[in-house]
Every structure is written in structure tokens, then in C-alpha cells.
């Protein structure tokens, strides 16, 4: 009998470079997988389909979707050990959905393409970054002119320098726009102008990607910051400013003027990020920011990139262990 533990990384959504309003044909985006926070599930065969731990209702919803779509016969039990906080811009929904689908499929002996699973669960229609972070990790570029049958495809993946660090800025008083409000925001804003999209893709392909390939953090970070500012200004009517949280915005401005290589907001926020070179520099910056922000609702976390996707650990259970876990 098998038990599976899956650990899926959070992701930063670093901005769109193409946005076609209601059409999915001209979307494009960039993002990065990071080591923490993470979604961690444990699963094993069980007499009934069952879930416990964090967000059990969502877990069951995804279980039922996959179970029905692929006529899965072997019930499983999933326990959520750790989760990415919801609606703060770190991709919690996609990582949970794909984690649940993966353990359900594996414990039922099925092998299905990542894009098909993602599309089935309603992920990856506007951006392929979350799905690619789950399956591949690293720095990810989605500049496809069309999406695949099931979900958006990634056009480029690069290793992110292991020594570079990301400081997360988390404002506890906000949640990012999500669900129906997110759909309404995209519809009301429409798409990028041809000039904006051309400019953004130019920065991405002519500055950000080449700088990452040679590990030039200064050029890379300035390119990310430029994309963030232009995209943030486009979304300003929906989120009330270039960045959702004004506290985060002030911190990002300070960081940019005091040694940060790059700054921005992940997805709809409120989480902001700062890119710096090395752990020592990150810890110094974090200490300075904590002193400046004392008494506020903002907290800081130093994170590393993750150049691999979700990890799966398989353990064979003996009959006694299985009885203890299932009661059968």
C-alpha cells in the first residue's frame, strides 16, 4: 500500500506583458517559483474519499472533479499539512488544485498531461505561470500567442540564480482581488494597447531574459521594476494605486532607493517583493525595513528561488500501518 507526500512551491506572478481583454489569445506573463511558503499534502488509499487538515472543502471539490473526469475507482484520503495563504498573490489555488489532482491520479495509476489536469481544474486560462511553477519551477515566461487546448503553454524556462534572494512584503490587512471581483476587474479594464504590450515584451525579451542568462542582477532587477511599474499603472483603476497596499508601495519605494535590484507586487497583491543579491544583503535589508515599519501590519520574509517543481515522496505502508491510518 502506498502513501504519497507532495510539496508544491508558491510562485510570484511578476506581471503581464500582453493582455487581450476578454480574449485569451494575446496574454503573456512572467513569474518565478520560490521555496516557501508551500502546499504540503499527504495521501493514501482509504475506504472512502476523504479530506482533513487545511481547506478540506476545497480539497474535496478538486478531488471530486478529478474523480469524475477520469472515473477514478480507488478512494483516497488526503490530509493537508501546510498551505500557501489564500489571496495574497502567491498562487495558493493552483498549487492546491494540482497537488490534489496529482495524488489522486498517482494513487489510481493514471498518467495525464499537466496541461490537461490544469485546464480541467480551471487553472491556467489567463496565465500558465502557476501550472509551470508546479511542474517545472524556475523563472518562467508565457508569451504564447495562443493557448493549448487545455491551458496556456510556457515559451521559456530559465534557472534562477540560487544565490539571489527575494524579500516578501506581506500586508496582513489586505487580500488581493479574487474570484468574481477578479473577473470583473479584467473585463472592466480591457486589454493592453499595442504599444504597451510591445514595450513590455521588449523589456522582457531584450533585457530581463538576457540579463538572467548571464546572471546580471542589476539589469534583470531594473527590467522587472520597469515592467511592474507599467503594469501596475494599467491596473491602478482596479486596485486603487500602482500597488494594492499603500504601506507596501512606500516600502518598495524605499527599497528601490536603498539598494534593491528589483521591486514589485506579485499578482493582485498585496504581497510585494524585493530582489537582492545574496542572503546577507537580504537580511540587512529586512532588518532595515522592519525598523522602518515597526508598529505596522506589514511583515517580511526572506525566500530563495526554487528551480524545480513539486516534489513527490512515495512510501510503502505495511498492513499494520495502513490499518492504523484507515481504521480498516
C-alpha atoms as a PDB file:
ATOM      1  CA  UNK A   1       0.000   0.000   0.000  1.00  0.00           C
ATOM      2  CA  UNK A   2       1.359   3.440  -0.945  1.00  0.00           C
ATOM      3  CA  UNK A   3       1.402   6.761   0.877  1.00  0.00           C
ATOM      4  CA  UNK A   4       2.302   9.920  -1.049  1.00  0.00           C
ATOM      5  CA  UNK A   5       3.571  13.247   0.247  1.00  0.00           C
ATOM      6  CA  UNK A   6       3.598  16.136  -2.186  1.00  0.00           C
ATOM      7  CA  UNK A   7       5.186  19.568  -1.667  1.00  0.00           C
ATOM      8  CA  UNK A   8       4.311  22.315  -4.162  1.00  0.00           C
ATOM      9  CA  UNK A   9       6.054  25.708  -4.243  1.00  0.00           C
ATOM     10  CA  UNK A  10       4.493  29.149  -4.116  1.00  0.00           C
ATOM     11  CA  UNK A  11       5.033  31.386  -7.111  1.00  0.00           C
ATOM     12  CA  UNK A  12       5.485  35.079  -7.747  1.00  0.00           C
ATOM     13  CA  UNK A  13       3.475  36.379 -10.676  1.00  0.00           C
ATOM     14  CA  UNK A  14       5.782  39.129 -11.904  1.00  0.00           C
ATOM     15  CA  UNK A  15       3.390  40.765 -14.334  1.00  0.00           C
ATOM     16  CA  UNK A  16       1.659  40.507 -17.678  1.00  0.00           C
ATOM     17  CA  UNK A  17       3.372  41.537 -20.886  1.00  0.00           C
ATOM     18  CA  UNK A  18       0.308  41.038 -23.057  1.00  0.00           C
ATOM     19  CA  UNK A  19      -3.350  41.229 -22.117  1.00  0.00           C
ATOM     20  CA  UNK A  20      -6.117  40.868 -24.664  1.00  0.00           C
ATOM     21  CA  UNK A  21      -9.186  41.871 -22.676  1.00  0.00           C
ATOM     22  CA  UNK A  22     -11.721  39.066 -22.830  1.00  0.00           C
ATOM     23  CA  UNK A  23      -9.663  37.132 -25.360  1.00  0.00           C
ATOM     24  CA  UNK A  24      -7.030  34.671 -24.110  1.00  0.00           C
ATOM     25  CA  UNK A  25      -5.089  34.834 -27.361  1.00  0.00           C
ATOM     26  CA  UNK A  26      -2.690  37.667 -26.611  1.00  0.00           C
ATOM     27  CA  UNK A  27      -1.938  37.120 -22.945  1.00  0.00           C
ATOM     28  CA  UNK A  28       1.643  36.795 -21.811  1.00  0.00           C
ATOM     29  CA  UNK A  29       3.227  36.769 -18.378  1.00  0.00           C
ATOM     30  CA  UNK A  30       6.339  36.089 -16.348  1.00  0.00           C
ATOM     31  CA  UNK A  31       6.854  34.518 -12.944  1.00  0.00           C
ATOM     32  CA  UNK A  32       9.128  32.738 -10.510  1.00  0.00           C
ATOM     33  CA  UNK A  33       8.769  29.719  -8.215  1.00  0.00           C
ATOM     34  CA  UNK A  34      10.008  30.280  -4.648  1.00  0.00           C
ATOM     35  CA  UNK A  35      10.906  27.826  -1.895  1.00  0.00           C
ATOM     36  CA  UNK A  36       8.329  28.925   0.697  1.00  0.00           C
ATOM     37  CA  UNK A  37       5.508  29.073   1.552  1.00  0.00           C
ATOM     38  CA  UNK A  38       4.408  25.726   0.141  1.00  0.00           C
ATOM     39  CA  UNK A  39       1.416  23.450  -0.158  1.00  0.00           C
ATOM     40  CA  UNK A  40       2.075  20.094   1.517  1.00  0.00           C
ATOM     41  CA  UNK A  41      -0.343  17.153   1.296  1.00  0.00           C
ATOM     42  CA  UNK A  42      -0.185  13.560   2.450  1.00  0.00           C
ATOM     43  CA  UNK A  43      -2.418  10.976   0.780  1.00  0.00           C
ATOM     44  CA  UNK A  44      -3.033   7.244   0.844  1.00  0.00           C
ATOM     45  CA  UNK A  45      -5.656   4.681  -0.155  1.00  0.00           C
ATOM     46  CA  UNK A  46      -8.739   4.673   2.035  1.00  0.00           C
ATOM     47  CA  UNK A  47     -12.188   3.050   2.127  1.00  0.00           C
ATOM     48  CA  UNK A  48     -13.797   6.433   1.344  1.00  0.00           C
ATOM     49  CA  UNK A  49     -12.944   9.674  -0.425  1.00  0.00           C
ATOM     50  CA  UNK A  50     -11.995  11.895   2.486  1.00  0.00           C
ATOM     51  CA  UNK A  51     -10.020  15.030   3.397  1.00  0.00           C
ATOM     52  CA  UNK A  52      -8.827  16.715   6.577  1.00  0.00           C
ATOM     53  CA  UNK A  53      -6.485  19.483   7.670  1.00  0.00           C
ATOM     54  CA  UNK A  54      -6.340  22.889   5.986  1.00  0.00           C
ATOM     55  CA  UNK A  55      -9.078  23.890   3.496  1.00  0.00           C
ATOM     56  CA  UNK A  56     -10.804  20.459   3.425  1.00  0.00           C
ATOM     57  CA  UNK A  57     -13.795  21.728   1.422  1.00  0.00           C
ATOM     58  CA  UNK A  58     -11.621  22.965  -1.442  1.00  0.00           C
ATOM     59  CA  UNK A  59      -9.620  19.771  -1.342  1.00  0.00           C
ATOM     60  CA  UNK A  60     -12.790  17.683  -1.638  1.00  0.00           C
ATOM     61  CA  UNK A  61     -14.012  19.855  -4.508  1.00  0.00           C
ATOM     62  CA  UNK A  62     -10.849  19.202  -6.505  1.00  0.00           C
ATOM     63  CA  UNK A  63     -10.931  15.508  -5.569  1.00  0.00           C
ATOM     64  CA  UNK A  64     -14.480  15.194  -6.871  1.00  0.00           C
ATOM     65  CA  UNK A  65     -13.653  16.983 -10.125  1.00  0.00           C
ATOM     66  CA  UNK A  66     -10.717  14.700 -10.924  1.00  0.00           C
ATOM     67  CA  UNK A  67     -12.535  11.613  -9.714  1.00  0.00           C
ATOM     68  CA  UNK A  68     -15.495  12.267 -12.024  1.00  0.00           C
ATOM     69  CA  UNK A  69     -13.429  13.305 -15.047  1.00  0.00           C
ATOM     70  CA  UNK A  70     -11.259  10.191 -15.042  1.00  0.00           C
ATOM     71  CA  UNK A  71     -13.688   7.729 -13.415  1.00  0.00           C
ATOM     72  CA  UNK A  72     -11.231   7.008 -10.600  1.00  0.00           C
ATOM     73  CA  UNK A  73     -12.165   3.857  -8.696  1.00  0.00           C
ATOM     74  CA  UNK A  74      -9.779   3.779  -5.717  1.00  0.00           C
ATOM     75  CA  UNK A  75     -10.853   6.175  -2.922  1.00  0.00           C
ATOM     76  CA  UNK A  76      -8.120   8.101  -1.153  1.00  0.00           C
ATOM     77  CA  UNK A  77      -7.670  10.132   1.979  1.00  0.00           C
ATOM     78  CA  UNK A  78      -5.846  13.479   1.744  1.00  0.00           C
ATOM     79  CA  UNK A  79      -4.502  15.390   4.725  1.00  0.00           C
ATOM     80  CA  UNK A  80      -3.365  18.985   4.170  1.00  0.00           C
ATOM     81  CA  UNK A  81      -0.259  19.596   6.287  1.00  0.00           C
ATOM     82  CA  UNK A  82       0.725  23.067   5.104  1.00  0.00           C
ATOM     83  CA  UNK A  83      -0.812  25.627   2.774  1.00  0.00           C
ATOM     84  CA  UNK A  84       0.071  28.801   0.934  1.00  0.00           C
ATOM     85  CA  UNK A  85      -2.031  31.659   2.373  1.00  0.00           C
ATOM     86  CA  UNK A  86      -5.005  32.473   0.166  1.00  0.00           C
ATOM     87  CA  UNK A  87      -5.486  35.664  -1.848  1.00  0.00           C
ATOM     88  CA  UNK A  88      -2.152  37.316  -1.125  1.00  0.00           C
ATOM     89  CA  UNK A  89      -0.653  36.849  -4.589  1.00  0.00           C
ATOM     90  CA  UNK A  90       1.349  33.630  -4.148  1.00  0.00           C
ATOM     91  CA  UNK A  91      -0.720  31.200  -6.221  1.00  0.00           C
ATOM     92  CA  UNK A  92      -2.379  29.123  -3.491  1.00  0.00           C
ATOM     93  CA  UNK A  93      -5.331  27.938  -5.595  1.00  0.00           C
ATOM     94  CA  UNK A  94      -3.338  26.472  -8.459  1.00  0.00           C
ATOM     95  CA  UNK A  95      -0.854  24.718  -6.194  1.00  0.00           C
ATOM     96  CA  UNK A  96      -3.606  23.117  -4.110  1.00  0.00           C
ATOM     97  CA  UNK A  97      -5.632  22.074  -7.148  1.00  0.00           C
ATOM     98  CA  UNK A  98      -2.678  20.488  -8.924  1.00  0.00           C
ATOM     99  CA  UNK A  99      -1.404  18.828  -5.752  1.00  0.00           C
ATOM    100  CA  UNK A 100      -4.776  17.211  -5.122  1.00  0.00           C
ATOM    101  CA  UNK A 101      -5.097  16.112  -8.744  1.00  0.00           C
ATOM    102  CA  UNK A 102      -1.586  14.659  -8.784  1.00  0.00           C
ATOM    103  CA  UNK A 103      -2.021  12.462  -5.711  1.00  0.00           C
ATOM    104  CA  UNK A 104      -5.456  11.301  -6.880  1.00  0.00           C
ATOM    105  CA  UNK A 105      -4.081  10.310 -10.280  1.00  0.00           C
ATOM    106  CA  UNK A 106      -0.935   8.671  -8.958  1.00  0.00           C
ATOM    107  CA  UNK A 107      -2.734   6.574  -6.359  1.00  0.00           C
ATOM    108  CA  UNK A 108      -5.119   5.441  -9.097  1.00  0.00           C
ATOM    109  CA  UNK A 109      -2.364   4.600 -11.555  1.00  0.00           C
ATOM    110  CA  UNK A 110      -3.196   7.329 -14.115  1.00  0.00           C
ATOM    111  CA  UNK A 111      -0.756   9.422 -16.124  1.00  0.00           C
ATOM    112  CA  UNK A 112      -2.248  12.584 -17.675  1.00  0.00           C
ATOM    113  CA  UNK A 113      -0.550  15.658 -19.162  1.00  0.00           C
ATOM    114  CA  UNK A 114      -0.051  18.648 -16.840  1.00  0.00           C
ATOM    115  CA  UNK A 115      -1.897  20.967 -19.229  1.00  0.00           C
ATOM    116  CA  UNK A 116      -4.949  18.711 -19.289  1.00  0.00           C
ATOM    117  CA  UNK A 117      -5.113  18.477 -15.499  1.00  0.00           C
ATOM    118  CA  UNK A 118      -4.650  22.228 -15.165  1.00  0.00           C
ATOM    119  CA  UNK A 119      -7.354  23.035 -17.697  1.00  0.00           C
ATOM    120  CA  UNK A 120      -9.763  20.551 -16.152  1.00  0.00           C
ATOM    121  CA  UNK A 121      -9.438  22.289 -12.788  1.00  0.00           C
ATOM    122  CA  UNK A 122      -9.914  25.744 -14.271  1.00  0.00           C
ATOM    123  CA  UNK A 123      -6.302  26.815 -13.866  1.00  0.00           C
ATOM    124  CA  UNK A 124      -4.011  28.370 -16.455  1.00  0.00           C
ATOM    125  CA  UNK A 125      -6.574  30.011 -18.720  1.00  0.00           C
ATOM    126  CA  UNK A 126      -5.138  33.514 -18.350  1.00  0.00           C
ATOM    127  CA  UNK A 127      -1.547  32.682 -17.396  1.00  0.00           C
ATOM    128  CA  UNK A 128       0.493  29.496 -17.454  1.00  0.00           C
ATOM    129  CA  UNK A 129       2.850  30.638 -14.693  1.00  0.00           C
ATOM    130  CA  UNK A 130       1.211  28.789 -11.787  1.00  0.00           C
ATOM    131  CA  UNK A 131       0.972  25.500 -13.643  1.00  0.00           C
ATOM    132  CA  UNK A 132       4.568  25.728 -14.848  1.00  0.00           C
ATOM    133  CA  UNK A 133       5.779  26.609 -11.342  1.00  0.00           C
ATOM    134  CA  UNK A 134       4.125  23.418 -10.092  1.00  0.00           C
ATOM    135  CA  UNK A 135       5.601  21.147 -12.744  1.00  0.00           C
ATOM    136  CA  UNK A 136       8.936  22.856 -13.526  1.00  0.00           C
ATOM    137  CA  UNK A 137       9.909  25.631 -11.104  1.00  0.00           C
ATOM    138  CA  UNK A 138      12.421  28.327 -12.035  1.00  0.00           C
ATOM    139  CA  UNK A 139      11.874  31.597 -13.888  1.00  0.00           C
ATOM    140  CA  UNK A 140       9.025  31.252 -16.358  1.00  0.00           C
ATOM    141  CA  UNK A 141       7.890  33.156 -19.430  1.00  0.00           C
ATOM    142  CA  UNK A 142       4.462  32.728 -21.012  1.00  0.00           C
ATOM    143  CA  UNK A 143       4.493  34.677 -24.276  1.00  0.00           C
ATOM    144  CA  UNK A 144       2.460  32.287 -26.397  1.00  0.00           C
ATOM    145  CA  UNK A 145       0.170  33.889 -28.955  1.00  0.00           C
ATOM    146  CA  UNK A 146      -2.342  31.099 -28.452  1.00  0.00           C
ATOM    147  CA  UNK A 147      -3.176  28.778 -25.611  1.00  0.00           C
ATOM    148  CA  UNK A 148      -3.172  25.000 -25.961  1.00  0.00           C
ATOM    149  CA  UNK A 149      -6.403  23.045 -25.919  1.00  0.00           C
ATOM    150  CA  UNK A 150      -6.336  22.806 -22.151  1.00  0.00           C
ATOM    151  CA  UNK A 151      -4.153  25.577 -20.714  1.00  0.00           C
ATOM    152  CA  UNK A 152      -1.536  28.136 -21.556  1.00  0.00           C
ATOM    153  CA  UNK A 153       1.884  26.884 -22.573  1.00  0.00           C
ATOM    154  CA  UNK A 154       5.224  28.175 -21.308  1.00  0.00           C
ATOM    155  CA  UNK A 155       7.523  29.509 -24.013  1.00  0.00           C
ATOM    156  CA  UNK A 156      10.679  29.778 -21.912  1.00  0.00           C
ATOM    157  CA  UNK A 157      12.032  28.491 -18.614  1.00  0.00           C
ATOM    158  CA  UNK A 158      15.322  29.614 -17.073  1.00  0.00           C
ATOM    159  CA  UNK A 159      17.240  28.626 -13.968  1.00  0.00           C
ATOM    160  CA  UNK A 160      17.145  31.431 -11.404  1.00  0.00           C
ATOM    161  CA  UNK A 161      20.476  32.101  -9.629  1.00  0.00           C
ATOM    162  CA  UNK A 162      20.467  30.166  -6.366  1.00  0.00           C
ATOM    163  CA  UNK A 163      22.274  32.969  -4.522  1.00  0.00           C
ATOM    164  CA  UNK A 164      19.703  35.659  -5.348  1.00  0.00           C
ATOM    165  CA  UNK A 165      17.103  36.287  -2.684  1.00  0.00           C
ATOM    166  CA  UNK A 166      13.546  37.559  -2.618  1.00  0.00           C
ATOM    167  CA  UNK A 167      12.160  39.537   0.306  1.00  0.00           C
ATOM    168  CA  UNK A 168       8.383  39.191   0.564  1.00  0.00           C
ATOM    169  CA  UNK A 169       6.435  42.138   1.979  1.00  0.00           C
ATOM    170  CA  UNK A 170       3.095  40.928   3.317  1.00  0.00           C
ATOM    171  CA  UNK A 171       0.421  43.386   4.430  1.00  0.00           C
ATOM    172  CA  UNK A 172      -1.849  41.488   6.817  1.00  0.00           C
ATOM    173  CA  UNK A 173      -4.735  43.957   6.367  1.00  0.00           C
ATOM    174  CA  UNK A 174      -5.401  43.229   2.683  1.00  0.00           C
ATOM    175  CA  UNK A 175      -6.433  40.430   0.372  1.00  0.00           C
ATOM    176  CA  UNK A 176      -5.828  40.605  -3.347  1.00  0.00           C
ATOM    177  CA  UNK A 177      -8.725  40.815  -5.790  1.00  0.00           C
ATOM    178  CA  UNK A 178     -10.078  37.313  -6.452  1.00  0.00           C
ATOM    179  CA  UNK A 179     -12.966  35.205  -7.732  1.00  0.00           C
ATOM    180  CA  UNK A 180     -15.799  37.211  -9.363  1.00  0.00           C
ATOM    181  CA  UNK A 181     -14.171  40.539  -8.479  1.00  0.00           C
ATOM    182  CA  UNK A 182     -11.073  39.488 -10.418  1.00  0.00           C
ATOM    183  CA  UNK A 183     -13.125  38.525 -13.471  1.00  0.00           C
ATOM    184  CA  UNK A 184     -14.980  41.837 -13.321  1.00  0.00           C
ATOM    185  CA  UNK A 185     -11.704  43.758 -12.970  1.00  0.00           C
ATOM    186  CA  UNK A 186     -10.204  42.185 -16.087  1.00  0.00           C
ATOM    187  CA  UNK A 187     -13.385  42.807 -18.065  1.00  0.00           C
ATOM    188  CA  UNK A 188     -13.663  46.438 -16.988  1.00  0.00           C
ATOM    189  CA  UNK A 189     -10.013  47.198 -17.727  1.00  0.00           C
ATOM    190  CA  UNK A 190      -9.958  45.559 -21.154  1.00  0.00           C
ATOM    191  CA  UNK A 191      -6.675  44.768 -22.851  1.00  0.00           C
ATOM    192  CA  UNK A 192      -3.276  46.401 -23.190  1.00  0.00           C
ATOM    193  CA  UNK A 193      -2.705  48.811 -26.021  1.00  0.00           C
ATOM    194  CA  UNK A 194      -0.498  47.503 -28.807  1.00  0.00           C
ATOM    195  CA  UNK A 195       2.215  49.973 -27.770  1.00  0.00           C
ATOM    196  CA  UNK A 196       2.158  48.907 -24.101  1.00  0.00           C
ATOM    197  CA  UNK A 197       2.321  45.238 -24.992  1.00  0.00           C
ATOM    198  CA  UNK A 198       5.170  45.832 -27.447  1.00  0.00           C
ATOM    199  CA  UNK A 199       7.092  47.870 -24.871  1.00  0.00           C
ATOM    200  CA  UNK A 200       6.638  45.271 -22.129  1.00  0.00           C
ATOM    201  CA  UNK A 201       7.640  42.350 -24.320  1.00  0.00           C
ATOM    202  CA  UNK A 202      10.665  44.352 -25.457  1.00  0.00           C
ATOM    203  CA  UNK A 203      11.835  44.829 -21.860  1.00  0.00           C
ATOM    204  CA  UNK A 204      11.231  41.163 -21.080  1.00  0.00           C
ATOM    205  CA  UNK A 205      12.917  39.659 -24.132  1.00  0.00           C
ATOM    206  CA  UNK A 206      15.662  42.236 -24.691  1.00  0.00           C
ATOM    207  CA  UNK A 207      16.636  42.999 -21.107  1.00  0.00           C
ATOM    208  CA  UNK A 208      15.179  40.686 -18.450  1.00  0.00           C
ATOM    209  CA  UNK A 209      15.828  37.335 -20.145  1.00  0.00           C
ATOM    210  CA  UNK A 210      19.355  38.157 -21.414  1.00  0.00           C
ATOM    211  CA  UNK A 211      20.303  39.584 -18.002  1.00  0.00           C
ATOM    212  CA  UNK A 212      19.110  36.441 -16.263  1.00  0.00           C
ATOM    213  CA  UNK A 213      21.074  34.260 -18.668  1.00  0.00           C
ATOM    214  CA  UNK A 214      24.321  35.994 -17.657  1.00  0.00           C
ATOM    215  CA  UNK A 215      23.221  36.500 -14.014  1.00  0.00           C
ATOM    216  CA  UNK A 216      23.330  40.308 -14.191  1.00  0.00           C
ATOM    217  CA  UNK A 217      21.078  41.140 -11.251  1.00  0.00           C
ATOM    218  CA  UNK A 218      21.220  44.904 -11.849  1.00  0.00           C
ATOM    219  CA  UNK A 219      19.883  44.727 -15.410  1.00  0.00           C
ATOM    220  CA  UNK A 220      17.462  41.949 -14.504  1.00  0.00           C
ATOM    221  CA  UNK A 221      16.056  43.797 -11.499  1.00  0.00           C
ATOM    222  CA  UNK A 222      15.678  47.132 -13.284  1.00  0.00           C
ATOM    223  CA  UNK A 223      13.801  45.380 -16.089  1.00  0.00           C
ATOM    224  CA  UNK A 224      11.443  43.691 -13.631  1.00  0.00           C
ATOM    225  CA  UNK A 225      10.870  47.019 -11.850  1.00  0.00           C
ATOM    226  CA  UNK A 226      10.043  48.743 -15.127  1.00  0.00           C
ATOM    227  CA  UNK A 227       7.538  46.062 -16.130  1.00  0.00           C
ATOM    228  CA  UNK A 228       5.985  46.238 -12.665  1.00  0.00           C
ATOM    229  CA  UNK A 229       5.517  49.994 -12.798  1.00  0.00           C
ATOM    230  CA  UNK A 230       3.912  49.964 -16.232  1.00  0.00           C
ATOM    231  CA  UNK A 231       1.651  47.024 -15.453  1.00  0.00           C
ATOM    232  CA  UNK A 232       0.802  48.459 -12.029  1.00  0.00           C
ATOM    233  CA  UNK A 233      -0.287  51.731 -13.614  1.00  0.00           C
ATOM    234  CA  UNK A 234      -2.533  49.826 -16.023  1.00  0.00           C
ATOM    235  CA  UNK A 235      -4.237  48.032 -13.119  1.00  0.00           C
ATOM    236  CA  UNK A 236      -4.423  51.190 -10.971  1.00  0.00           C
ATOM    237  CA  UNK A 237      -8.178  51.743 -11.546  1.00  0.00           C
ATOM    238  CA  UNK A 238      -8.952  48.283 -10.140  1.00  0.00           C
ATOM    239  CA  UNK A 239      -6.592  48.269  -7.152  1.00  0.00           C
ATOM    240  CA  UNK A 240      -6.510  51.942  -6.180  1.00  0.00           C
ATOM    241  CA  UNK A 241      -2.870  52.573  -6.979  1.00  0.00           C
ATOM    242  CA  UNK A 242       0.178  51.178  -8.724  1.00  0.00           C
ATOM    243  CA  UNK A 243       0.295  48.620  -5.901  1.00  0.00           C
ATOM    244  CA  UNK A 244      -2.673  47.440  -3.829  1.00  0.00           C
ATOM    245  CA  UNK A 245      -1.314  48.303  -0.371  1.00  0.00           C
ATOM    246  CA  UNK A 246      -0.004  51.799   0.155  1.00  0.00           C
ATOM    247  CA  UNK A 247       2.184  50.555   3.003  1.00  0.00           C
ATOM    248  CA  UNK A 248       3.777  48.051   0.646  1.00  0.00           C
ATOM    249  CA  UNK A 249       4.131  50.759  -2.006  1.00  0.00           C
ATOM    250  CA  UNK A 250       6.076  53.011   0.400  1.00  0.00           C
ATOM    251  CA  UNK A 251       8.364  50.138   1.400  1.00  0.00           C
ATOM    252  CA  UNK A 252       9.040  49.265  -2.235  1.00  0.00           C
ATOM    253  CA  UNK A 253       9.905  52.895  -2.990  1.00  0.00           C
ATOM    254  CA  UNK A 254      12.338  52.984  -0.064  1.00  0.00           C
ATOM    255  CA  UNK A 255      13.915  49.665  -1.054  1.00  0.00           C
ATOM    256  CA  UNK A 256      14.416  50.762  -4.651  1.00  0.00           C
ATOM    257  CA  UNK A 257      16.240  53.876  -3.446  1.00  0.00           C
ATOM    258  CA  UNK A 258      18.355  51.891  -0.994  1.00  0.00           C
ATOM    259  CA  UNK A 259      19.971  49.010  -2.805  1.00  0.00           C
ATOM    260  CA  UNK A 260      17.214  46.733  -4.114  1.00  0.00           C
ATOM    261  CA  UNK A 261      17.939  45.290  -7.551  1.00  0.00           C
ATOM    262  CA  UNK A 262      14.252  44.963  -8.400  1.00  0.00           C
ATOM    263  CA  UNK A 263      10.858  45.571  -6.818  1.00  0.00           C
ATOM    264  CA  UNK A 264       7.201  44.871  -7.482  1.00  0.00           C
ATOM    265  CA  UNK A 265       3.923  43.246  -6.483  1.00  0.00           C
ATOM    266  CA  UNK A 266       3.019  39.608  -7.090  1.00  0.00           C
ATOM    267  CA  UNK A 267      -0.254  39.187  -8.978  1.00  0.00           C
ATOM    268  CA  UNK A 268      -3.048  41.277  -7.392  1.00  0.00           C
ATOM    269  CA  UNK A 269      -1.041  41.584  -4.184  1.00  0.00           C
ATOM    270  CA  UNK A 270      -0.995  42.697  -1.525  1.00  0.00           C
ATOM    271  CA  UNK A 271       2.347  40.885  -1.325  1.00  0.00           C
ATOM    272  CA  UNK A 272       5.259  42.907  -2.620  1.00  0.00           C
ATOM    273  CA  UNK A 273       8.716  41.597  -3.412  1.00  0.00           C
ATOM    274  CA  UNK A 274      12.276  42.886  -3.389  1.00  0.00           C
ATOM    275  CA  UNK A 275      15.088  41.180  -5.304  1.00  0.00           C
ATOM    276  CA  UNK A 276      18.596  41.351  -3.805  1.00  0.00           C
ATOM    277  CA  UNK A 277      21.921  39.612  -4.313  1.00  0.00           C
ATOM    278  CA  UNK A 278      22.671  37.170  -1.504  1.00  0.00           C
ATOM    279  CA  UNK A 279      21.367  36.183   1.903  1.00  0.00           C
ATOM    280  CA  UNK A 280      23.462  38.705   3.837  1.00  0.00           C
ATOM    281  CA  UNK A 281      22.138  41.614   1.783  1.00  0.00           C
ATOM    282  CA  UNK A 282      18.591  40.297   2.157  1.00  0.00           C
ATOM    283  CA  UNK A 283      18.857  40.049   5.929  1.00  0.00           C
ATOM    284  CA  UNK A 284      20.301  43.577   6.184  1.00  0.00           C
ATOM    285  CA  UNK A 285      17.502  44.942   4.022  1.00  0.00           C
ATOM    286  CA  UNK A 286      14.888  43.014   6.011  1.00  0.00           C
ATOM    287  CA  UNK A 287      16.224  44.390   9.296  1.00  0.00           C
ATOM    288  CA  UNK A 288      16.148  47.955   7.974  1.00  0.00           C
ATOM    289  CA  UNK A 289      12.605  47.538   6.678  1.00  0.00           C
ATOM    290  CA  UNK A 290      11.388  46.037   9.945  1.00  0.00           C
ATOM    291  CA  UNK A 291      12.773  49.024  11.833  1.00  0.00           C
ATOM    292  CA  UNK A 292      11.087  51.427   9.423  1.00  0.00           C
ATOM    293  CA  UNK A 293       7.781  49.533   9.607  1.00  0.00           C
ATOM    294  CA  UNK A 294       7.638  48.964  13.355  1.00  0.00           C
ATOM    295  CA  UNK A 295       4.045  49.171  14.605  1.00  0.00           C
ATOM    296  CA  UNK A 296       2.516  48.442  11.191  1.00  0.00           C
ATOM    297  CA  UNK A 297       0.678  45.353   9.935  1.00  0.00           C
ATOM    298  CA  UNK A 298       3.447  44.504   7.465  1.00  0.00           C
ATOM    299  CA  UNK A 299       5.799  41.549   7.860  1.00  0.00           C
ATOM    300  CA  UNK A 300       8.832  40.419   5.875  1.00  0.00           C
ATOM    301  CA  UNK A 301      10.118  37.017   4.783  1.00  0.00           C
ATOM    302  CA  UNK A 302      13.394  36.194   3.023  1.00  0.00           C
ATOM    303  CA  UNK A 303      12.906  33.494   0.404  1.00  0.00           C
ATOM    304  CA  UNK A 304      15.043  31.603  -2.080  1.00  0.00           C
ATOM    305  CA  UNK A 305      14.164  30.681  -5.663  1.00  0.00           C
ATOM    306  CA  UNK A 306      13.029  27.152  -6.416  1.00  0.00           C
ATOM    307  CA  UNK A 307      14.389  25.717  -9.646  1.00  0.00           C
ATOM    308  CA  UNK A 308      12.306  22.564  -9.514  1.00  0.00           C
ATOM    309  CA  UNK A 309       8.622  21.854  -9.385  1.00  0.00           C
ATOM    310  CA  UNK A 310       6.579  19.949  -6.850  1.00  0.00           C
ATOM    311  CA  UNK A 311       8.313  17.048  -5.127  1.00  0.00           C
ATOM    312  CA  UNK A 312       6.642  13.700  -4.571  1.00  0.00           C
ATOM    313  CA  UNK A 313       7.726  11.241  -1.894  1.00  0.00           C
ATOM    314  CA  UNK A 314       6.305   7.725  -2.022  1.00  0.00           C
ATOM    315  CA  UNK A 315       6.304   5.430   0.998  1.00  0.00           C
ATOM    316  CA  UNK A 316       5.191   1.814   1.045  1.00  0.00           C
ATOM    317  CA  UNK A 317       2.985   1.101   4.024  1.00  0.00           C
ATOM    318  CA  UNK A 318       2.812  -2.285   5.665  1.00  0.00           C
ATOM    319  CA  UNK A 319      -0.551  -3.737   6.642  1.00  0.00           C
ATOM    320  CA  UNK A 320      -0.268  -2.609  10.287  1.00  0.00           C
ATOM    321  CA  UNK A 321       0.493   0.995   9.361  1.00  0.00           C
ATOM    322  CA  UNK A 322      -2.319   1.038   6.819  1.00  0.00           C
ATOM    323  CA  UNK A 323      -4.785  -0.278   9.437  1.00  0.00           C
ATOM    324  CA  UNK A 324      -3.705   2.450  11.863  1.00  0.00           C
ATOM    325  CA  UNK A 325      -4.251   5.169   9.244  1.00  0.00           C
ATOM    326  CA  UNK A 326      -7.563   3.931   7.876  1.00  0.00           C
ATOM    327  CA  UNK A 327      -9.105   2.009  10.741  1.00  0.00           C
ATOM    328  CA  UNK A 328      -9.581  -0.966   8.412  1.00  0.00           C
END
